[in-house]
Every structure is written in structure tokens, then in C-alpha cells.
C-alpha atoms as a PDB file:
ATOM      1  CA  MET A   1      -2.290 149.425 -65.002  1.00  0.00           C
ATOM      2  CA  GLN A   2      -1.835 148.517 -61.385  1.00  0.00           C
ATOM      3  CA  GLY A   3      -1.431 151.256 -58.871  1.00  0.00           C
ATOM      4  CA  LEU A   4       1.278 151.360 -56.254  1.00  0.00           C
ATOM      5  CA  TYR A   5      -1.154 150.224 -53.561  1.00  0.00           C
ATOM      6  CA  GLU A   6      -2.174 147.109 -55.506  1.00  0.00           C
ATOM      7  CA  ILE A   7       1.438 146.188 -56.230  1.00  0.00           C
ATOM      8  CA  ALA A   8       2.469 146.669 -52.591  1.00  0.00           C
ATOM      9  CA  TYR A   9      -0.527 144.649 -51.394  1.00  0.00           C
ATOM     10  CA  LYS A  10       0.269 141.754 -53.735  1.00  0.00           C
ATOM     11  CA  GLU A  11       3.941 141.763 -52.774  1.00  0.00           C
ATOM     12  CA  GLY A  12       3.068 141.825 -49.078  1.00  0.00           C
ATOM     13  CA  PHE A  13       0.527 139.056 -49.464  1.00  0.00           C
ATOM     14  CA  THR A  14       2.860 136.748 -51.381  1.00  0.00           C
ATOM     15  CA  ARG A  15       5.680 137.435 -48.901  1.00  0.00           C
ATOM     16  CA  GLY A  16       3.303 136.502 -46.062  1.00  0.00           C
ATOM     17  CA  VAL A  17       2.375 133.200 -47.715  1.00  0.00           C
ATOM     18  CA  ALA A  18       6.051 132.399 -48.294  1.00  0.00           C
ATOM     19  CA  GLU A  19       6.948 133.196 -44.686  1.00  0.00           C
ATOM     20  CA  SER A  20       4.024 131.085 -43.483  1.00  0.00           C
ATOM     21  CA  ALA A  21       5.348 128.079 -45.384  1.00  0.00           C
ATOM     22  CA  LEU A  22       8.746 128.546 -43.741  1.00  0.00           C
ATOM     23  CA  GLU A  23       7.128 128.899 -40.304  1.00  0.00           C
ATOM     24  CA  ILE A  24       5.282 125.617 -40.794  1.00  0.00           C
ATOM     25  CA  PHE A  25       8.561 123.900 -41.620  1.00  0.00           C
ATOM     26  CA  ALA A  26      10.052 125.407 -38.466  1.00  0.00           C
ATOM     27  CA  ALA A  27       7.100 124.262 -36.362  1.00  0.00           C
ATOM     28  CA  ARG A  28       7.610 120.761 -37.747  1.00  0.00           C
ATOM     29  CA  ASN A  29      11.316 120.958 -36.785  1.00  0.00           C
ATOM     30  CA  MET A  30      12.331 120.589 -40.432  1.00  0.00           C
ATOM     31  CA  GLU A  31      15.540 122.327 -41.457  1.00  0.00           C
ATOM     32  CA  VAL A  32      15.169 124.331 -44.653  1.00  0.00           C
ATOM     33  CA  PRO A  33      18.389 124.764 -46.661  1.00  0.00           C
ATOM     34  CA  ASP A  34      19.300 128.391 -47.410  1.00  0.00           C
ATOM     35  CA  GLU A  35      18.830 127.933 -51.160  1.00  0.00           C
ATOM     36  CA  VAL A  36      15.321 126.509 -50.663  1.00  0.00           C
ATOM     37  CA  GLU A  37      14.408 129.335 -48.298  1.00  0.00           C
ATOM     38  CA  ALA A  38      15.634 131.874 -50.848  1.00  0.00           C
ATOM     39  CA  GLN A  39      13.643 130.152 -53.614  1.00  0.00           C
ATOM     40  CA  ILE A  40      10.448 130.214 -51.550  1.00  0.00           C
ATOM     41  CA  LEU A  41      10.896 133.836 -50.468  1.00  0.00           C
ATOM     42  CA  SER A  42      11.650 135.035 -54.005  1.00  0.00           C
ATOM     43  CA  CYS A  43       8.610 133.333 -55.525  1.00  0.00           C
ATOM     44  CA  THR A  44       5.914 135.742 -56.753  1.00  0.00           C
ATOM     45  CA  ASP A  45       3.558 133.193 -58.331  1.00  0.00           C
ATOM     46  CA  PHE A  46       0.656 132.739 -55.932  1.00  0.00           C
ATOM     47  CA  VAL A  47      -0.303 129.303 -57.302  1.00  0.00           C
ATOM     48  CA  GLN A  48       3.243 128.069 -56.669  1.00  0.00           C
ATOM     49  CA  LEU A  49       3.306 129.667 -53.215  1.00  0.00           C
ATOM     50  CA  GLU A  50       0.028 127.970 -52.350  1.00  0.00           C
ATOM     51  CA  SER A  51       1.635 124.676 -53.345  1.00  0.00           C
ATOM     52  CA  HIS A  52       4.634 125.451 -51.119  1.00  0.00           C
ATOM     53  CA  LEU A  53       2.321 126.291 -48.220  1.00  0.00           C
ATOM     54  CA  ILE A  54       0.356 123.044 -48.535  1.00  0.00           C
ATOM     55  CA  GLY A  55       3.553 121.090 -49.058  1.00  0.00           C
ATOM     56  CA  SER A  56       5.148 122.559 -45.957  1.00  0.00           C
ATOM     57  CA  ALA A  57       2.408 120.891 -43.940  1.00  0.00           C
ATOM     58  CA  THR A  58       2.412 117.556 -45.744  1.00  0.00           C
ATOM     59  CA  VAL A  59       5.870 116.585 -47.045  1.00  0.00           C
ATOM     60  CA  ASN A  60       8.186 114.334 -45.070  1.00  0.00           C
ATOM     61  CA  GLN A  61      11.340 116.064 -46.340  1.00  0.00           C
ATOM     62  CA  VAL A  62      11.782 119.632 -47.553  1.00  0.00           C
ATOM     63  CA  GLU A  63      13.243 118.384 -50.853  1.00  0.00           C
ATOM     64  CA  GLU A  64       9.875 116.752 -51.682  1.00  0.00           C
ATOM     65  CA  LEU A  65       8.458 120.238 -52.101  1.00  0.00           C
ATOM     66  CA  PHE A  66      10.057 120.444 -55.545  1.00  0.00           C
ATOM     67  CA  ASP A  67       9.331 116.902 -56.788  1.00  0.00           C
END
């Protein structure tokens, strides 16, 4: 059973990865639709978040992130 500290750490870490992906889009001057932002921020699967993070640096359009 996970303790409160482990759960909080994981939630904070995944939130940080999600926010990093959004910051990369912003740095690339790419507008992220509200529904995509919400989907990224609500994701708790680290493998998927890692894919979003890499995609935020490599896709030409935000919509490609989910292709």
C-alpha cells in the first residue's frame, strides 16, 4: 500500500511533466486548445505523459500529439 507521501510525490511529478509539455508548446508559440490542455493535465499515466512531453517538442501541430 502506498503511503500519502508516495502518492503526493507521484501526483506532483506527473503534474510537473504535464505542465512541462504545455510550456514547451508555449515556447514554440503553439496554441493548445482548452480540451487538449485539460486532457494533458488530467493524465496520470507516466508513459503517456512522457509521450506528450516528447511530442510537444517534435510535432508540427498540437493535434498530432494524439495521432
